[in-house]
Amino acid sequence: MPNTKDTISRSWLITQVKNHKPRLIVANLIAIIATLISVPIPLLMPLMVDEVLLDQPASGLA
């Protein structure tokens, strides 16, 4: 593999990760929190439909 200016090598990538480690950790934590927040929303939609639109309380939460 020719070593040109535009080639990304493993050592360059590791150097970049080390240089930006705090930012990468924060970005991953934000991604995990966003995933944890967004997963339950579709699961709660049937309960919201029952309670708000059909005016029937959900029996699974009592």
N, C-alpha and C. Protein backbone atom coordinates (compact mmCIF):
# COMPACT_ATOMS: atom_id res chain seq x y z
N MET A 1 0.85 -1.17 0.00
CA MET A 1 0.00 0.00 0.00
C MET A 1 0.90 1.24 0.00
N PRO A 2 0.69 2.10 -0.95
CA PRO A 2 1.53 3.30 -1.01
C PRO A 2 1.22 4.23 0.17
N ASN A 3 2.23 4.83 0.70
CA ASN A 3 2.07 5.74 1.83
C ASN A 3 1.93 7.17 1.31
N THR A 4 0.72 7.52 0.90
CA THR A 4 0.47 8.86 0.36
C THR A 4 -0.04 9.77 1.46
N LYS A 5 -0.19 11.01 1.11
CA LYS A 5 -0.64 12.02 2.07
C LYS A 5 -2.07 11.79 2.54
N ASP A 6 -2.92 11.21 1.68
CA ASP A 6 -4.34 11.02 1.99
C ASP A 6 -4.65 9.67 2.63
N THR A 7 -3.67 8.84 2.85
CA THR A 7 -3.91 7.53 3.42
C THR A 7 -4.02 7.62 4.94
N ILE A 8 -5.03 6.96 5.46
CA ILE A 8 -5.21 6.93 6.91
C ILE A 8 -4.58 5.64 7.42
N SER A 9 -3.60 5.79 8.26
CA SER A 9 -2.92 4.62 8.81
C SER A 9 -3.43 4.34 10.21
N ARG A 10 -3.14 3.18 10.71
CA ARG A 10 -3.57 2.80 12.04
C ARG A 10 -2.90 3.68 13.10
N SER A 11 -1.64 3.98 12.92
CA SER A 11 -0.94 4.82 13.91
C SER A 11 -1.50 6.24 13.93
N TRP A 12 -1.86 6.78 12.78
CA TRP A 12 -2.46 8.11 12.74
C TRP A 12 -3.81 8.11 13.46
N LEU A 13 -4.60 7.05 13.23
CA LEU A 13 -5.91 6.96 13.85
C LEU A 13 -5.79 6.84 15.37
N ILE A 14 -4.86 6.05 15.85
CA ILE A 14 -4.66 5.91 17.29
C ILE A 14 -4.20 7.23 17.89
N THR A 15 -3.35 7.95 17.19
CA THR A 15 -2.90 9.26 17.66
C THR A 15 -4.08 10.23 17.77
N GLN A 16 -4.95 10.21 16.79
CA GLN A 16 -6.13 11.09 16.81
C GLN A 16 -7.06 10.74 17.97
N VAL A 17 -7.24 9.45 18.22
CA VAL A 17 -8.09 9.03 19.33
C VAL A 17 -7.50 9.49 20.65
N LYS A 18 -6.19 9.36 20.80
CA LYS A 18 -5.54 9.80 22.04
C LYS A 18 -5.66 11.31 22.22
N ASN A 19 -5.54 12.05 21.13
CA ASN A 19 -5.63 13.51 21.20
C ASN A 19 -7.04 13.99 21.56
N HIS A 20 -8.04 13.24 21.14
CA HIS A 20 -9.44 13.66 21.33
C HIS A 20 -10.19 12.76 22.30
N LYS A 21 -9.50 12.08 23.18
CA LYS A 21 -10.12 11.11 24.08
C LYS A 21 -11.23 11.71 24.94
N PRO A 22 -11.04 12.86 25.59
CA PRO A 22 -12.15 13.40 26.40
C PRO A 22 -13.40 13.71 25.58
N ARG A 23 -13.21 14.25 24.40
CA ARG A 23 -14.37 14.56 23.55
C ARG A 23 -15.07 13.29 23.09
N LEU A 24 -14.31 12.24 22.79
CA LEU A 24 -14.90 10.99 22.35
C LEU A 24 -15.70 10.33 23.48
N ILE A 25 -15.19 10.43 24.69
CA ILE A 25 -15.91 9.86 25.84
C ILE A 25 -17.22 10.60 26.05
N VAL A 26 -17.20 11.91 26.01
CA VAL A 26 -18.42 12.71 26.18
C VAL A 26 -19.41 12.41 25.06
N ALA A 27 -18.93 12.31 23.85
CA ALA A 27 -19.81 12.03 22.71
C ALA A 27 -20.47 10.66 22.86
N ASN A 28 -19.73 9.68 23.31
CA ASN A 28 -20.30 8.34 23.51
C ASN A 28 -21.31 8.33 24.65
N LEU A 29 -21.04 9.06 25.72
CA LEU A 29 -22.00 9.14 26.82
C LEU A 29 -23.30 9.81 26.37
N ILE A 30 -23.18 10.86 25.57
CA ILE A 30 -24.38 11.53 25.04
C ILE A 30 -25.17 10.57 24.15
N ALA A 31 -24.47 9.79 23.34
CA ALA A 31 -25.14 8.82 22.46
C ALA A 31 -25.86 7.75 23.26
N ILE A 32 -25.24 7.27 24.33
CA ILE A 32 -25.87 6.25 25.17
C ILE A 32 -27.11 6.81 25.86
N ILE A 33 -27.00 8.02 26.40
CA ILE A 33 -28.15 8.64 27.07
C ILE A 33 -29.29 8.88 26.08
N ALA A 34 -28.96 9.34 24.89
CA ALA A 34 -30.00 9.57 23.87
C ALA A 34 -30.69 8.26 23.49
N THR A 35 -29.94 7.18 23.42
CA THR A 35 -30.53 5.88 23.11
C THR A 35 -31.45 5.42 24.23
N LEU A 36 -31.01 5.60 25.47
CA LEU A 36 -31.83 5.19 26.61
C LEU A 36 -33.12 6.01 26.70
N ILE A 37 -33.07 7.25 26.27
CA ILE A 37 -34.27 8.09 26.29
C ILE A 37 -35.21 7.73 25.14
N SER A 38 -34.67 7.44 23.98
CA SER A 38 -35.51 7.25 22.80
C SER A 38 -36.13 5.86 22.71
N VAL A 39 -35.58 4.87 23.36
CA VAL A 39 -36.12 3.50 23.25
C VAL A 39 -37.49 3.36 23.90
N PRO A 40 -37.74 3.89 25.11
CA PRO A 40 -39.05 3.66 25.73
C PRO A 40 -40.21 4.40 25.06
N ILE A 41 -39.96 5.42 24.30
CA ILE A 41 -41.04 6.23 23.73
C ILE A 41 -41.97 5.40 22.84
N PRO A 42 -41.48 4.61 21.89
CA PRO A 42 -42.41 3.79 21.10
C PRO A 42 -43.13 2.73 21.94
N LEU A 43 -42.50 2.29 23.01
CA LEU A 43 -43.15 1.29 23.87
C LEU A 43 -44.29 1.89 24.67
N LEU A 44 -44.25 3.19 24.93
CA LEU A 44 -45.30 3.84 25.70
C LEU A 44 -46.46 4.37 24.84
N MET A 45 -46.31 4.35 23.54
CA MET A 45 -47.35 4.89 22.66
C MET A 45 -48.70 4.18 22.83
N PRO A 46 -48.77 2.85 22.92
CA PRO A 46 -50.08 2.22 23.13
C PRO A 46 -50.75 2.66 24.43
N LEU A 47 -49.98 2.86 25.48
CA LEU A 47 -50.56 3.33 26.74
C LEU A 47 -51.11 4.74 26.60
N MET A 48 -50.39 5.59 25.87
CA MET A 48 -50.86 6.96 25.66
C MET A 48 -52.14 6.97 24.84
N VAL A 49 -52.24 6.11 23.84
CA VAL A 49 -53.45 6.03 23.02
C VAL A 49 -54.63 5.59 23.87
N ASP A 50 -54.41 4.56 24.72
CA ASP A 50 -55.49 4.08 25.58
C ASP A 50 -55.98 5.16 26.52
N GLU A 51 -55.07 5.86 27.16
CA GLU A 51 -55.47 6.82 28.19
C GLU A 51 -55.98 8.13 27.60
N VAL A 52 -55.35 8.64 26.58
CA VAL A 52 -55.70 9.97 26.07
C VAL A 52 -56.83 9.90 25.04
N LEU A 53 -56.69 9.06 24.04
CA LEU A 53 -57.68 9.05 22.96
C LEU A 53 -58.90 8.21 23.29
N LEU A 54 -58.73 7.07 23.92
CA LEU A 54 -59.85 6.18 24.19
C LEU A 54 -60.46 6.40 25.57
N ASP A 55 -59.81 7.24 26.39
CA ASP A 55 -60.28 7.55 27.73
C ASP A 55 -60.48 6.29 28.58
N GLN A 56 -59.56 5.35 28.40
CA GLN A 56 -59.57 4.12 29.21
C GLN A 56 -58.22 4.00 29.90
N PRO A 57 -58.22 3.92 31.21
CA PRO A 57 -56.94 3.79 31.89
C PRO A 57 -56.25 2.47 31.58
N ALA A 58 -54.97 2.50 31.49
CA ALA A 58 -54.21 1.29 31.21
C ALA A 58 -54.22 0.38 32.42
N SER A 59 -54.48 -0.88 32.20
CA SER A 59 -54.57 -1.81 33.33
C SER A 59 -53.21 -2.40 33.70
N GLY A 60 -52.21 -2.24 32.87
CA GLY A 60 -50.92 -2.85 33.13
C GLY A 60 -50.06 -2.09 34.13
N LEU A 61 -50.40 -0.86 34.45
CA LEU A 61 -49.56 -0.06 35.34
C LEU A 61 -50.11 0.05 36.75
N ALA A 62 -51.30 -0.41 36.99
CA ALA A 62 -51.91 -0.23 38.32
C ALA A 62 -51.42 -1.19 39.35
